[in-house]
């Protein structure tokens, strides 16, 4: 669980660094949520 949380935090930081608009941040957060959802479904 700690690994998943660390991965999410790292992804979030990289996403924030890579986007310049509020809309871009929202899309990045949505993608992060989708990754978590997919990971939860696999378990």
N, C-alpha and C. Protein backbone atom coordinates (compact mmCIF):
# COMPACT_ATOMS: atom_id res chain seq x y z
N UNK A 1 0.81 -1.19 0.00
CA UNK A 1 0.00 0.00 0.00
C UNK A 1 0.86 1.26 0.00
N UNK A 2 1.99 1.20 0.75
CA UNK A 2 2.89 2.35 0.78
C UNK A 2 3.49 2.59 -0.60
N UNK A 3 3.78 1.52 -1.33
CA UNK A 3 4.35 1.66 -2.66
C UNK A 3 3.37 2.34 -3.59
N UNK A 4 2.10 1.96 -3.49
CA UNK A 4 1.06 2.56 -4.33
C UNK A 4 0.90 4.04 -4.00
N UNK A 5 0.89 4.37 -2.73
CA UNK A 5 0.78 5.77 -2.31
C UNK A 5 1.98 6.58 -2.80
N UNK A 6 3.16 6.01 -2.69
CA UNK A 6 4.37 6.70 -3.16
C UNK A 6 4.32 6.93 -4.66
N UNK A 7 3.85 5.93 -5.38
CA UNK A 7 3.72 6.06 -6.83
C UNK A 7 2.72 7.14 -7.19
N UNK A 8 1.61 7.18 -6.49
CA UNK A 8 0.59 8.19 -6.74
C UNK A 8 1.14 9.60 -6.47
N UNK A 9 1.83 9.76 -5.38
CA UNK A 9 2.39 11.07 -5.04
C UNK A 9 3.42 11.50 -6.07
N UNK A 10 4.28 10.58 -6.48
CA UNK A 10 5.29 10.91 -7.49
C UNK A 10 4.63 11.28 -8.81
N UNK A 11 3.60 10.55 -9.19
CA UNK A 11 2.89 10.83 -10.43
C UNK A 11 2.22 12.19 -10.36
N UNK A 12 1.64 12.50 -9.21
CA UNK A 12 0.96 13.78 -9.03
C UNK A 12 1.94 14.94 -9.16
N UNK A 13 3.10 14.80 -8.54
CA UNK A 13 4.12 15.86 -8.62
C UNK A 13 4.59 16.05 -10.05
N UNK A 14 4.83 14.97 -10.75
CA UNK A 14 5.27 15.07 -12.15
C UNK A 14 4.17 15.66 -13.02
N UNK A 15 2.94 15.29 -12.75
CA UNK A 15 1.82 15.82 -13.52
C UNK A 15 1.69 17.33 -13.31
N UNK A 16 1.84 17.77 -12.08
CA UNK A 16 1.75 19.21 -11.81
C UNK A 16 2.87 19.97 -12.50
N UNK A 17 4.03 19.36 -12.57
CA UNK A 17 5.16 20.02 -13.23
C UNK A 17 4.94 20.09 -14.74
N UNK A 18 4.18 19.16 -15.28
CA UNK A 18 4.01 19.08 -16.72
C UNK A 18 2.82 19.82 -17.28
N UNK A 19 1.92 20.34 -16.45
CA UNK A 19 0.75 21.01 -16.99
C UNK A 19 0.74 22.48 -16.59
N UNK A 20 0.13 23.30 -17.42
CA UNK A 20 0.17 24.74 -17.18
C UNK A 20 -1.20 25.34 -16.89
N UNK A 21 -2.25 24.55 -16.99
CA UNK A 21 -3.58 25.10 -16.81
C UNK A 21 -4.35 24.33 -15.75
N UNK A 22 -5.39 24.94 -15.23
CA UNK A 22 -6.25 24.28 -14.25
C UNK A 22 -6.91 23.06 -14.89
N UNK A 23 -7.31 23.19 -16.14
CA UNK A 23 -7.92 22.06 -16.84
C UNK A 23 -6.93 20.91 -16.95
N UNK A 24 -5.69 21.22 -17.21
CA UNK A 24 -4.65 20.19 -17.32
C UNK A 24 -4.45 19.47 -15.99
N UNK A 25 -4.49 20.22 -14.88
CA UNK A 25 -4.36 19.60 -13.56
C UNK A 25 -5.53 18.66 -13.33
N UNK A 26 -6.73 19.08 -13.66
CA UNK A 26 -7.91 18.23 -13.49
C UNK A 26 -7.80 16.94 -14.29
N UNK A 27 -7.32 17.04 -15.49
CA UNK A 27 -7.15 15.84 -16.32
C UNK A 27 -6.10 14.91 -15.73
N UNK A 28 -5.02 15.48 -15.22
CA UNK A 28 -3.96 14.67 -14.63
C UNK A 28 -4.46 13.96 -13.38
N UNK A 29 -5.25 14.65 -12.56
CA UNK A 29 -5.81 14.04 -11.36
C UNK A 29 -6.76 12.92 -11.74
N UNK A 30 -7.53 13.15 -12.78
CA UNK A 30 -8.47 12.13 -13.25
C UNK A 30 -7.71 10.88 -13.72
N UNK A 31 -6.62 11.07 -14.43
CA UNK A 31 -5.81 9.94 -14.89
C UNK A 31 -5.22 9.18 -13.70
N UNK A 32 -4.77 9.92 -12.69
CA UNK A 32 -4.25 9.27 -11.49
C UNK A 32 -5.31 8.44 -10.79
N UNK A 33 -6.52 8.96 -10.74
CA UNK A 33 -7.63 8.21 -10.15
C UNK A 33 -7.94 6.96 -10.95
N UNK A 34 -7.84 7.06 -12.25
CA UNK A 34 -8.10 5.90 -13.11
C UNK A 34 -7.05 4.82 -12.88
N UNK A 35 -5.81 5.22 -12.70
CA UNK A 35 -4.74 4.25 -12.42
C UNK A 35 -5.02 3.52 -11.11
N UNK A 36 -5.44 4.27 -10.09
CA UNK A 36 -5.77 3.65 -8.81
C UNK A 36 -6.94 2.69 -8.94
N UNK A 37 -7.94 3.11 -9.70
CA UNK A 37 -9.11 2.25 -9.92
C UNK A 37 -8.71 0.94 -10.60
N UNK A 38 -7.90 1.06 -11.62
CA UNK A 38 -7.43 -0.13 -12.35
C UNK A 38 -6.62 -1.04 -11.44
N UNK A 39 -5.77 -0.46 -10.60
CA UNK A 39 -4.97 -1.26 -9.69
C UNK A 39 -5.86 -1.99 -8.68
N UNK A 40 -6.90 -1.32 -8.22
CA UNK A 40 -7.81 -1.93 -7.25
C UNK A 40 -8.59 -3.08 -7.88
N UNK A 41 -8.94 -2.94 -9.14
CA UNK A 41 -9.70 -3.99 -9.83
C UNK A 41 -8.85 -5.24 -10.04
N UNK A 42 -7.54 -5.08 -10.21
CA UNK A 42 -6.64 -6.20 -10.46
C UNK A 42 -6.45 -7.05 -9.22
N UNK A 43 -6.64 -6.47 -8.04
CA UNK A 43 -6.40 -7.23 -6.79
C UNK A 43 -7.56 -8.04 -6.39
